[in-house]
PDB file of N, CA and C in Angstrom:
ATOM      1  N   UNK A   1       0.845  -1.166   0.000  1.00  0.00           N
ATOM      2  CA  UNK A   1       0.000   0.000   0.000  1.00  0.00           C
ATOM      3  C   UNK A   1       0.894   1.233   0.000  1.00  0.00           C
ATOM      4  N   UNK A   2       0.560   2.204  -0.833  1.00  0.00           N
ATOM      5  CA  UNK A   2       1.289   3.467  -0.894  1.00  0.00           C
ATOM      6  C   UNK A   2       0.384   4.560  -0.353  1.00  0.00           C
ATOM      7  N   UNK A   3       0.918   5.344   0.571  1.00  0.00           N
ATOM      8  CA  UNK A   3       0.170   6.448   1.150  1.00  0.00           C
ATOM      9  C   UNK A   3       0.897   7.735   0.823  1.00  0.00           C
ATOM     10  N   UNK A   4       0.183   8.717   0.311  1.00  0.00           N
ATOM     11  CA  UNK A   4       0.770  10.013  -0.004  1.00  0.00           C
ATOM     12  C   UNK A   4       0.093  11.080   0.827  1.00  0.00           C
ATOM     13  N   UNK A   5       0.878  12.021   1.295  1.00  0.00           N
ATOM     14  CA  UNK A   5       0.370  13.140   2.067  1.00  0.00           C
ATOM     15  C   UNK A   5       0.987  14.403   1.476  1.00  0.00           C
ATOM     16  N   UNK A   6       0.183  15.243   0.866  1.00  0.00           N
ATOM     17  CA  UNK A   6       0.667  16.471   0.248  1.00  0.00           C
ATOM     18  C   UNK A   6       0.527  17.597   1.264  1.00  0.00           C
ATOM     19  N   UNK A   7       1.650  18.221   1.601  1.00  0.00           N
ATOM     20  CA  UNK A   7       1.640  19.297   2.584  1.00  0.00           C
ATOM     21  C   UNK A   7       1.808  20.683   1.974  1.00  0.00           C
ATOM     22  N   UNK A   8       2.255  20.739   0.738  1.00  0.00           N
ATOM     23  CA  UNK A   8       2.437  22.033   0.095  1.00  0.00           C
ATOM     24  C   UNK A   8       2.515  21.865  -1.407  1.00  0.00           C
ATOM     25  N   UNK A   9       2.232  22.951  -2.125  1.00  0.00           N
ATOM     26  CA  UNK A   9       2.308  22.919  -3.582  1.00  0.00           C
ATOM     27  C   UNK A   9       2.601  24.324  -4.093  1.00  0.00           C
ATOM     28  N   UNK A  10       3.250  24.382  -5.231  1.00  0.00           N
ATOM     29  CA  UNK A  10       3.491  25.650  -5.903  1.00  0.00           C
ATOM     30  C   UNK A  10       3.812  25.368  -7.359  1.00  0.00           C
ATOM     31  N   UNK A  11       3.799  26.398  -8.188  1.00  0.00           N
ATOM     32  CA  UNK A  11       4.062  26.254  -9.622  1.00  0.00           C
ATOM     33  C   UNK A  11       5.430  26.836  -9.924  1.00  0.00           C
ATOM     34  N   UNK A  12       6.184  26.132 -10.774  1.00  0.00           N
ATOM     35  CA  UNK A  12       7.534  26.563 -11.142  1.00  0.00           C
ATOM     36  C   UNK A  12       7.723  26.417 -12.647  1.00  0.00           C
ATOM     37  N   UNK A  13       8.609  27.213 -13.218  1.00  0.00           N
ATOM     38  CA  UNK A  13       8.959  27.105 -14.636  1.00  0.00           C
ATOM     39  C   UNK A  13      10.010  26.024 -14.870  1.00  0.00           C
ATOM     40  N   UNK A  14      10.606  25.499 -13.807  1.00  0.00           N
ATOM     41  CA  UNK A  14      11.684  24.519 -13.911  1.00  0.00           C
ATOM     42  C   UNK A  14      11.156  23.161 -14.359  1.00  0.00           C
ATOM     43  N   UNK A  15      11.888  22.520 -15.278  1.00  0.00           N
ATOM     44  CA  UNK A  15      11.474  21.190 -15.725  1.00  0.00           C
ATOM     45  C   UNK A  15      11.993  20.091 -14.799  1.00  0.00           C
ATOM     46  N   UNK A  16      12.891  20.438 -13.881  1.00  0.00           N
ATOM     47  CA  UNK A  16      13.443  19.470 -12.922  1.00  0.00           C
ATOM     48  C   UNK A  16      13.225  19.994 -11.505  1.00  0.00           C
ATOM     49  N   UNK A  17      13.112  19.078 -10.562  1.00  0.00           N
ATOM     50  CA  UNK A  17      12.871  19.464  -9.170  1.00  0.00           C
ATOM     51  C   UNK A  17      14.146  19.721  -8.373  1.00  0.00           C
ATOM     52  N   UNK A  18      15.318  19.387  -8.914  1.00  0.00           N
ATOM     53  CA  UNK A  18      16.530  19.415  -8.096  1.00  0.00           C
ATOM     54  C   UNK A  18      16.897  20.800  -7.566  1.00  0.00           C
ATOM     55  N   UNK A  19      16.374  21.875  -8.123  1.00  0.00           N
ATOM     56  CA  UNK A  19      16.614  23.212  -7.573  1.00  0.00           C
ATOM     57  C   UNK A  19      15.378  23.776  -6.881  1.00  0.00           C
ATOM     58  N   UNK A  20      14.418  22.932  -6.620  1.00  0.00           N
ATOM     59  CA  UNK A  20      13.141  23.380  -6.074  1.00  0.00           C
ATOM     60  C   UNK A  20      12.914  22.996  -4.613  1.00  0.00           C
ATOM     61  N   UNK A  21      13.916  22.428  -3.964  1.00  0.00           N
ATOM     62  CA  UNK A  21      13.727  21.957  -2.589  1.00  0.00           C
ATOM     63  C   UNK A  21      13.424  23.098  -1.618  1.00  0.00           C
ATOM     64  N   UNK A  22      14.216  24.147  -1.658  1.00  0.00           N
ATOM     65  CA  UNK A  22      13.987  25.260  -0.735  1.00  0.00           C
ATOM     66  C   UNK A  22      12.636  25.948  -0.980  1.00  0.00           C
ATOM     67  N   UNK A  23      12.259  26.220  -2.247  1.00  0.00           N
ATOM     68  CA  UNK A  23      10.922  26.785  -2.460  1.00  0.00           C
ATOM     69  C   UNK A  23       9.798  25.860  -1.997  1.00  0.00           C
ATOM     70  N   UNK A  24       9.997  24.541  -2.153  1.00  0.00           N
ATOM     71  CA  UNK A  24       8.972  23.603  -1.696  1.00  0.00           C
ATOM     72  C   UNK A  24       8.838  23.639  -0.174  1.00  0.00           C
ATOM     73  N   UNK A  25       9.966  23.692   0.522  1.00  0.00           N
ATOM     74  CA  UNK A  25       9.893  23.789   1.985  1.00  0.00           C
ATOM     75  C   UNK A  25       9.191  25.071   2.416  1.00  0.00           C
ATOM     76  N   UNK A  26       9.407  26.154   1.674  1.00  0.00           N
ATOM     77  CA  UNK A  26       8.693  27.408   1.966  1.00  0.00           C
ATOM     78  C   UNK A  26       7.194  27.241   1.734  1.00  0.00           C
ATOM     79  N   UNK A  27       6.815  26.525   0.670  1.00  0.00           N
ATOM     80  CA  UNK A  27       5.397  26.283   0.386  1.00  0.00           C
ATOM     81  C   UNK A  27       4.754  25.461   1.496  1.00  0.00           C
ATOM     82  N   UNK A  28       5.487  24.457   1.990  1.00  0.00           N
ATOM     83  CA  UNK A  28       4.980  23.634   3.092  1.00  0.00           C
ATOM     84  C   UNK A  28       4.834  24.485   4.348  1.00  0.00           C
ATOM     85  N   UNK A  29       5.833  25.297   4.643  1.00  0.00           N
ATOM     86  CA  UNK A  29       5.763  26.175   5.814  1.00  0.00           C
ATOM     87  C   UNK A  29       4.560  27.099   5.712  1.00  0.00           C
ATOM     88  N   UNK A  30       4.320  27.638   4.517  1.00  0.00           N
ATOM     89  CA  UNK A  30       3.177  28.530   4.312  1.00  0.00           C
ATOM     90  C   UNK A  30       1.859  27.781   4.543  1.00  0.00           C
ATOM     91  N   UNK A  31       1.753  26.557   4.007  1.00  0.00           N
ATOM     92  CA  UNK A  31       0.527  25.764   4.171  1.00  0.00           C
ATOM     93  C   UNK A  31       0.255  25.423   5.626  1.00  0.00           C
ATOM     94  N   UNK A  32       1.330  25.118   6.363  1.00  0.00           N
ATOM     95  CA  UNK A  32       1.179  24.732   7.768  1.00  0.00           C
ATOM     96  C   UNK A  32       1.052  25.923   8.697  1.00  0.00           C
ATOM     97  N   UNK A  33       1.438  27.100   8.196  1.00  0.00           N
ATOM     98  CA  UNK A  33       1.387  28.288   9.039  1.00  0.00           C
ATOM     99  C   UNK A  33       2.552  28.380  10.006  1.00  0.00           C
ATOM    100  N   UNK A  34       3.591  27.603   9.780  1.00  0.00           N
ATOM    101  CA  UNK A  34       4.789  27.648  10.627  1.00  0.00           C
ATOM    102  C   UNK A  34       5.993  27.144   9.853  1.00  0.00           C
ATOM    103  N   UNK A  35       7.174  27.533  10.278  1.00  0.00           N
ATOM    104  CA  UNK A  35       8.416  27.138   9.627  1.00  0.00           C
ATOM    105  C   UNK A  35       8.673  25.652   9.843  1.00  0.00           C
ATOM    106  N   UNK A  36       9.219  24.971   8.805  1.00  0.00           N
ATOM    107  CA  UNK A  36       9.638  23.585   8.953  1.00  0.00           C
ATOM    108  C   UNK A  36      10.766  23.571   9.964  1.00  0.00           C
ATOM    109  N   UNK A  37      10.645  22.780  11.027  1.00  0.00           N
ATOM    110  CA  UNK A  37      11.599  22.875  12.116  1.00  0.00           C
ATOM    111  C   UNK A  37      12.507  21.684  12.305  1.00  0.00           C
ATOM    112  N   UNK A  38      12.050  20.478  12.024  1.00  0.00           N
ATOM    113  CA  UNK A  38      12.828  19.307  12.415  1.00  0.00           C
ATOM    114  C   UNK A  38      13.356  18.488  11.255  1.00  0.00           C
ATOM    115  N   UNK A  39      12.496  18.036  10.368  1.00  0.00           N
ATOM    116  CA  UNK A  39      12.938  17.114   9.323  1.00  0.00           C
ATOM    117  C   UNK A  39      11.966  17.131   8.152  1.00  0.00           C
ATOM    118  N   UNK A  40      12.464  16.644   7.015  1.00  0.00           N
ATOM    119  CA  UNK A  40      11.603  16.514   5.845  1.00  0.00           C
ATOM    120  C   UNK A  40      12.017  15.294   5.045  1.00  0.00           C
ATOM    121  N   UNK A  41      11.106  14.825   4.235  1.00  0.00           N
ATOM    122  CA  UNK A  41      11.300  13.666   3.366  1.00  0.00           C
ATOM    123  C   UNK A  41      10.982  14.099   1.940  1.00  0.00           C
ATOM    124  N   UNK A  42      11.875  13.763   0.994  1.00  0.00           N
ATOM    125  CA  UNK A  42      11.656  14.154  -0.406  1.00  0.00           C
ATOM    126  C   UNK A  42      12.073  13.014  -1.332  1.00  0.00           C
ATOM    127  N   UNK A  43      11.471  12.983  -2.517  1.00  0.00           N
ATOM    128  CA  UNK A  43      11.856  11.956  -3.487  1.00  0.00           C
ATOM    129  C   UNK A  43      13.163  12.338  -4.164  1.00  0.00           C
ATOM    130  N   UNK A  44      13.711  11.428  -4.975  1.00  0.00           N
ATOM    131  CA  UNK A  44      15.041  11.627  -5.541  1.00  0.00           C
ATOM    132  C   UNK A  44      15.128  12.787  -6.519  1.00  0.00           C
ATOM    133  N   UNK A  45      14.026  13.257  -7.020  1.00  0.00           N
ATOM    134  CA  UNK A  45      14.047  14.395  -7.928  1.00  0.00           C
ATOM    135  C   UNK A  45      14.551  15.669  -7.270  1.00  0.00           C
ATOM    136  N   UNK A  46      14.453  15.749  -5.950  1.00  0.00           N
ATOM    137  CA  UNK A  46      14.862  16.939  -5.211  1.00  0.00           C
ATOM    138  C   UNK A  46      16.321  16.905  -4.761  1.00  0.00           C
ATOM    139  N   UNK A  47      17.056  15.854  -5.080  1.00  0.00           N
ATOM    140  CA  UNK A  47      18.422  15.741  -4.573  1.00  0.00           C
ATOM    141  C   UNK A  47      19.306  16.844  -5.161  1.00  0.00           C
ATOM    142  N   UNK A  48      19.935  17.589  -4.266  1.00  0.00           N
ATOM    143  CA  UNK A  48      20.807  18.697  -4.625  1.00  0.00           C
ATOM    144  C   UNK A  48      21.689  18.948  -3.402  1.00  0.00           C
ATOM    145  N   UNK A  49      22.944  18.504  -3.463  1.00  0.00           N
ATOM    146  CA  UNK A  49      23.841  18.568  -2.312  1.00  0.00           C
ATOM    147  C   UNK A  49      23.933  19.927  -1.652  1.00  0.00           C
ATOM    148  N   UNK A  50      24.270  20.998  -2.383  1.00  0.00           N
ATOM    149  CA  UNK A  50      24.385  22.312  -1.748  1.00  0.00           C
ATOM    150  C   UNK A  50      23.087  22.789  -1.098  1.00  0.00           C
ATOM    151  N   UNK A  51      21.956  22.526  -1.743  1.00  0.00           N
ATOM    152  CA  UNK A  51      20.672  22.931  -1.187  1.00  0.00           C
ATOM    153  C   UNK A  51      20.375  22.166   0.101  1.00  0.00           C
ATOM    154  N   UNK A  52      20.647  20.865   0.093  1.00  0.00           N
ATOM    155  CA  UNK A  52      20.421  20.047   1.284  1.00  0.00           C
ATOM    156  C   UNK A  52      21.347  20.489   2.417  1.00  0.00           C
ATOM    157  N   UNK A  53      22.612  20.773   2.104  1.00  0.00           N
ATOM    158  CA  UNK A  53      23.553  21.260   3.128  1.00  0.00           C
ATOM    159  C   UNK A  53      23.075  22.578   3.726  1.00  0.00           C
ATOM    160  N   UNK A  54      22.554  23.475   2.899  1.00  0.00           N
ATOM    161  CA  UNK A  54      22.041  24.759   3.377  1.00  0.00           C
ATOM    162  C   UNK A  54      20.892  24.548   4.363  1.00  0.00           C
ATOM    163  N   UNK A  55      19.978  23.652   4.008  1.00  0.00           N
ATOM    164  CA  UNK A  55      18.830  23.375   4.869  1.00  0.00           C
ATOM    165  C   UNK A  55      19.281  22.709   6.166  1.00  0.00           C
ATOM    166  N   UNK A  56      20.224  21.760   6.069  1.00  0.00           N
ATOM    167  CA  UNK A  56      20.718  21.091   7.271  1.00  0.00           C
ATOM    168  C   UNK A  56      21.473  22.051   8.183  1.00  0.00           C
ATOM    169  N   UNK A  57      22.100  23.074   7.631  1.00  0.00           N
ATOM    170  CA  UNK A  57      22.811  24.057   8.458  1.00  0.00           C
ATOM    171  C   UNK A  57      21.840  24.839   9.346  1.00  0.00           C
ATOM    172  N   UNK A  58      20.557  24.782   9.003  1.00  0.00           N
ATOM    173  CA  UNK A  58      19.522  25.430   9.807  1.00  0.00           C
ATOM    174  C   UNK A  58      18.967  24.492  10.869  1.00  0.00           C
ATOM    175  N   UNK A  59      19.579  23.285  10.983  1.00  0.00           N
ATOM    176  CA  UNK A  59      19.152  22.317  11.987  1.00  0.00           C
ATOM    177  C   UNK A  59      17.989  21.448  11.550  1.00  0.00           C
ATOM    178  N   UNK A  60      17.707  21.397  10.252  1.00  0.00           N
ATOM    179  CA  UNK A  60      16.614  20.586   9.723  1.00  0.00           C
ATOM    180  C   UNK A  60      17.213  19.315   9.117  1.00  0.00           C
ATOM    181  N   UNK A  61      16.725  18.147   9.535  1.00  0.00           N
ATOM    182  CA  UNK A  61      17.215  16.872   9.005  1.00  0.00           C
ATOM    183  C   UNK A  61      16.606  16.606   7.632  1.00  0.00           C
ATOM    184  N   UNK A  62      17.443  16.164   6.689  1.00  0.00           N
ATOM    185  CA  UNK A  62      16.991  15.883   5.329  1.00  0.00           C
ATOM    186  C   UNK A  62      16.991  14.388   5.071  1.00  0.00           C
ATOM    187  N   UNK A  63      15.880  13.883   4.566  1.00  0.00           N
ATOM    188  CA  UNK A  63      15.767  12.493   4.130  1.00  0.00           C
ATOM    189  C   UNK A  63      15.345  12.540   2.665  1.00  0.00           C
ATOM    190  N   UNK A  64      16.315  12.396   1.760  1.00  0.00           N
ATOM    191  CA  UNK A  64      16.058  12.482   0.330  1.00  0.00           C
ATOM    192  C   UNK A  64      16.475  11.168  -0.314  1.00  0.00           C
ATOM    193  N   UNK A  65      15.567  10.557  -1.068  1.00  0.00           N
ATOM    194  CA  UNK A  65      15.854   9.286  -1.726  1.00  0.00           C
ATOM    195  C   UNK A  65      17.021   9.427  -2.691  1.00  0.00           C
ATOM    196  N   UNK A  66      17.902   8.435  -2.703  1.00  0.00           N
ATOM    197  CA  UNK A  66      19.044   8.435  -3.612  1.00  0.00           C
ATOM    198  C   UNK A  66      18.758   7.666  -4.889  1.00  0.00           C
ATOM    199  N   UNK A  67      17.763   6.767  -4.846  1.00  0.00           N
ATOM    200  CA  UNK A  67      17.394   5.989  -6.024  1.00  0.00           C
ATOM    201  C   UNK A  67      15.907   5.688  -5.964  1.00  0.00           C
ATOM    202  N   UNK A  68      15.422   5.076  -7.030  1.00  0.00           N
ATOM    203  CA  UNK A  68      14.002   4.727  -7.095  1.00  0.00           C
ATOM    204  C   UNK A  68      13.829   3.232  -7.339  1.00  0.00           C
ATOM    205  N   UNK A  69      14.720   2.423  -6.783  1.00  0.00           N
ATOM    206  CA  UNK A  69      14.669   0.979  -7.018  1.00  0.00           C
ATOM    207  C   UNK A  69      13.305   0.387  -6.707  1.00  0.00           C
ATOM    208  N   UNK A  70      12.692   0.805  -5.627  1.00  0.00           N
ATOM    209  CA  UNK A  70      11.400   0.246  -5.245  1.00  0.00           C
ATOM    210  C   UNK A  70      10.312   0.593  -6.250  1.00  0.00           C
ATOM    211  N   UNK A  71      10.538   1.622  -7.064  1.00  0.00           N
ATOM    212  CA  UNK A  71       9.518   2.057  -8.004  1.00  0.00           C
ATOM    213  C   UNK A  71       9.806   1.634  -9.439  1.00  0.00           C
ATOM    214  N   UNK A  72      10.840   0.838  -9.641  1.00  0.00           N
ATOM    215  CA  UNK A  72      11.164   0.381 -10.988  1.00  0.00           C
ATOM    216  C   UNK A  72      10.115  -0.589 -11.527  1.00  0.00           C
ATOM    217  N   UNK A  73       9.465  -1.326 -10.668  1.00  0.00           N
ATOM    218  CA  UNK A  73       8.448  -2.302 -11.060  1.00  0.00           C
ATOM    219  C   UNK A  73       7.066  -1.699 -10.799  1.00  0.00           C
ATOM    220  N   UNK A  74       6.198  -1.776 -11.779  1.00  0.00           N
ATOM    221  CA  UNK A  74       4.835  -1.279 -11.605  1.00  0.00           C
ATOM    222  C   UNK A  74       4.091  -2.203 -10.655  1.00  0.00           C
ATOM    223  N   UNK A  75       3.175  -1.674  -9.854  1.00  0.00           N
ATOM    224  CA  UNK A  75       2.447  -2.510  -8.868  1.00  0.00           C
ATOM    225  C   UNK A  75       1.725  -3.689  -9.499  1.00  0.00           C
ATOM    226  N   UNK A  76       1.294  -3.595 -10.751  1.00  0.00           N
ATOM    227  CA  UNK A  76       0.545  -4.674 -11.378  1.00  0.00           C
ATOM    228  C   UNK A  76       1.432  -5.681 -12.084  1.00  0.00           C
ATOM    229  N   UNK A  77       2.765  -5.467 -12.091  1.00  0.00           N
ATOM    230  CA  UNK A  77       3.673  -6.434 -12.694  1.00  0.00           C
ATOM    231  C   UNK A  77       4.091  -7.469 -11.644  1.00  0.00           C
ATOM    232  N   UNK A  78       4.088  -8.738 -11.998  1.00  0.00           N
ATOM    233  CA  UNK A  78       4.498  -9.760 -11.016  1.00  0.00           C
ATOM    234  C   UNK A  78       5.993  -9.688 -10.723  1.00  0.00           C
ATOM    235  N   UNK A  79       6.345  -9.947  -9.491  1.00  0.00           N
ATOM    236  CA  UNK A  79       7.776 -10.009  -9.124  1.00  0.00           C
ATOM    237  C   UNK A  79       8.358 -11.300  -9.676  1.00  0.00           C
ATOM    238  N   UNK A  80       9.574 -11.232 -10.164  1.00  0.00           N
ATOM    239  CA  UNK A  80      10.214 -12.427 -10.727  1.00  0.00           C
ATOM    240  C   UNK A  80      11.078 -13.111  -9.716  1.00  0.00           C
TER     241      UNK A  80
END
């Protein structure tokens, strides 16, 4: 079972998410009415070392996927 929880959204001209992590965290903070304080989880599209280091320097833990191995197989395809 896959569960998704959307906490923030915004529109960008960028075709890739790797430079969008900080704006996304701002969108989440705006939606929640408070600054992100402890930790966040993001998919591999958001991986950007300098951006993650900047966020971690503020005391926020980053959990960003490094690969998508679990998503290589579609749910309706049988495992071999």
